[in-house]
Amino acid sequence: MLGGRIMVISSGWIESDIIASNRLLFILIAVQNNLKIKYCL
């Protein structure tokens, strides 16, 4: 994943930007998975 890339970047705002977009991706993936699970059940 992108965890290693976050550590390499030292600029705080770039770091937080990547973390924020990662978190958004995680939320989208989680929502998609939840919808799939609900429809499967």
N, C-alpha and C. Protein backbone atom coordinates (compact mmCIF):
# COMPACT_ATOMS: atom_id res chain seq x y z
N MET A 1 0.84 -1.21 0.00
CA MET A 1 0.00 0.00 0.00
C MET A 1 0.87 1.26 0.00
N LEU A 2 0.24 2.39 0.25
CA LEU A 2 0.93 3.68 0.18
C LEU A 2 1.58 4.09 1.50
N GLY A 3 1.56 3.20 2.50
CA GLY A 3 2.09 3.54 3.82
C GLY A 3 3.54 3.99 3.76
N GLY A 4 4.38 3.28 2.99
CA GLY A 4 5.79 3.62 2.89
C GLY A 4 6.01 4.98 2.26
N ARG A 5 5.18 5.31 1.29
CA ARG A 5 5.33 6.58 0.58
C ARG A 5 5.07 7.76 1.50
N ILE A 6 4.13 7.60 2.42
CA ILE A 6 3.79 8.68 3.36
C ILE A 6 5.01 9.01 4.23
N MET A 7 5.76 7.99 4.66
CA MET A 7 6.91 8.21 5.53
C MET A 7 8.03 8.94 4.78
N VAL A 8 8.17 8.66 3.48
CA VAL A 8 9.24 9.27 2.69
C VAL A 8 9.02 10.77 2.55
N ILE A 9 7.76 11.18 2.34
CA ILE A 9 7.46 12.61 2.16
C ILE A 9 7.53 13.32 3.51
N SER A 10 8.31 14.39 3.58
CA SER A 10 8.51 15.09 4.84
C SER A 10 7.59 16.30 4.98
N SER A 11 7.09 16.84 3.85
CA SER A 11 6.22 18.02 3.91
C SER A 11 4.90 17.65 4.57
N GLY A 12 4.54 18.39 5.62
CA GLY A 12 3.35 18.07 6.41
C GLY A 12 2.06 18.10 5.60
N TRP A 13 1.92 19.13 4.75
CA TRP A 13 0.64 19.28 4.04
C TRP A 13 0.48 18.20 2.97
N ILE A 14 1.58 17.81 2.32
CA ILE A 14 1.52 16.73 1.33
C ILE A 14 1.17 15.42 2.05
N GLU A 15 1.81 15.23 3.21
CA GLU A 15 1.60 14.03 4.01
C GLU A 15 0.12 13.90 4.38
N SER A 16 -0.44 14.97 4.94
CA SER A 16 -1.83 14.94 5.39
C SER A 16 -2.77 14.79 4.19
N ASP A 17 -2.38 15.35 3.04
CA ASP A 17 -3.18 15.24 1.83
C ASP A 17 -3.28 13.79 1.38
N ILE A 18 -2.14 13.09 1.41
CA ILE A 18 -2.11 11.68 1.02
C ILE A 18 -2.91 10.85 2.02
N ILE A 19 -2.73 11.13 3.31
CA ILE A 19 -3.47 10.40 4.34
C ILE A 19 -4.97 10.60 4.15
N ALA A 20 -5.36 11.84 3.86
CA ALA A 20 -6.78 12.15 3.67
C ALA A 20 -7.35 11.39 2.48
N SER A 21 -6.61 11.37 1.36
CA SER A 21 -7.10 10.67 0.18
C SER A 21 -7.12 9.16 0.41
N ASN A 22 -6.13 8.65 1.16
CA ASN A 22 -6.13 7.24 1.51
C ASN A 22 -7.35 6.90 2.35
N ARG A 23 -7.66 7.75 3.32
CA ARG A 23 -8.80 7.52 4.21
C ARG A 23 -10.09 7.52 3.39
N LEU A 24 -10.18 8.46 2.42
CA LEU A 24 -11.36 8.54 1.56
C LEU A 24 -11.48 7.26 0.73
N LEU A 25 -10.35 6.77 0.21
CA LEU A 25 -10.35 5.52 -0.56
C LEU A 25 -10.81 4.37 0.32
N PHE A 26 -10.27 4.29 1.54
CA PHE A 26 -10.67 3.24 2.48
C PHE A 26 -12.16 3.26 2.73
N ILE A 27 -12.71 4.46 2.94
CA ILE A 27 -14.15 4.60 3.21
C ILE A 27 -14.96 4.13 2.00
N LEU A 28 -14.54 4.55 0.80
CA LEU A 28 -15.25 4.14 -0.42
C LEU A 28 -15.22 2.63 -0.58
N ILE A 29 -14.04 2.02 -0.38
CA ILE A 29 -13.90 0.57 -0.50
C ILE A 29 -14.76 -0.13 0.54
N ALA A 30 -14.74 0.37 1.78
CA ALA A 30 -15.53 -0.23 2.85
C ALA A 30 -17.01 -0.16 2.53
N VAL A 31 -17.46 1.00 2.02
CA VAL A 31 -18.88 1.16 1.67
C VAL A 31 -19.26 0.19 0.56
N GLN A 32 -18.40 0.08 -0.46
CA GLN A 32 -18.66 -0.85 -1.57
C GLN A 32 -18.74 -2.28 -1.05
N ASN A 33 -17.80 -2.66 -0.18
CA ASN A 33 -17.80 -4.01 0.38
C ASN A 33 -19.05 -4.27 1.20
N ASN A 34 -19.45 -3.28 2.00
CA ASN A 34 -20.66 -3.42 2.82
C ASN A 34 -21.89 -3.61 1.94
N LEU A 35 -21.98 -2.85 0.85
CA LEU A 35 -23.11 -2.98 -0.07
C LEU A 35 -23.12 -4.37 -0.69
N LYS A 36 -21.94 -4.84 -1.12
CA LYS A 36 -21.84 -6.17 -1.73
C LYS A 36 -22.28 -7.24 -0.75
N ILE A 37 -21.81 -7.12 0.50
CA ILE A 37 -22.15 -8.11 1.53
C ILE A 37 -23.66 -8.11 1.77
N LYS A 38 -24.24 -6.91 1.88
CA LYS A 38 -25.68 -6.81 2.14
C LYS A 38 -26.49 -7.44 1.01
N TYR A 39 -26.08 -7.17 -0.23
CA TYR A 39 -26.83 -7.71 -1.37
C TYR A 39 -26.62 -9.22 -1.49
N CYS A 40 -25.43 -9.70 -1.14
CA CYS A 40 -25.17 -11.15 -1.19
C CYS A 40 -26.02 -11.88 -0.16
N LEU A 41 -26.15 -11.31 1.05
CA LEU A 41 -26.94 -11.94 2.10
C LEU A 41 -28.42 -11.73 1.80
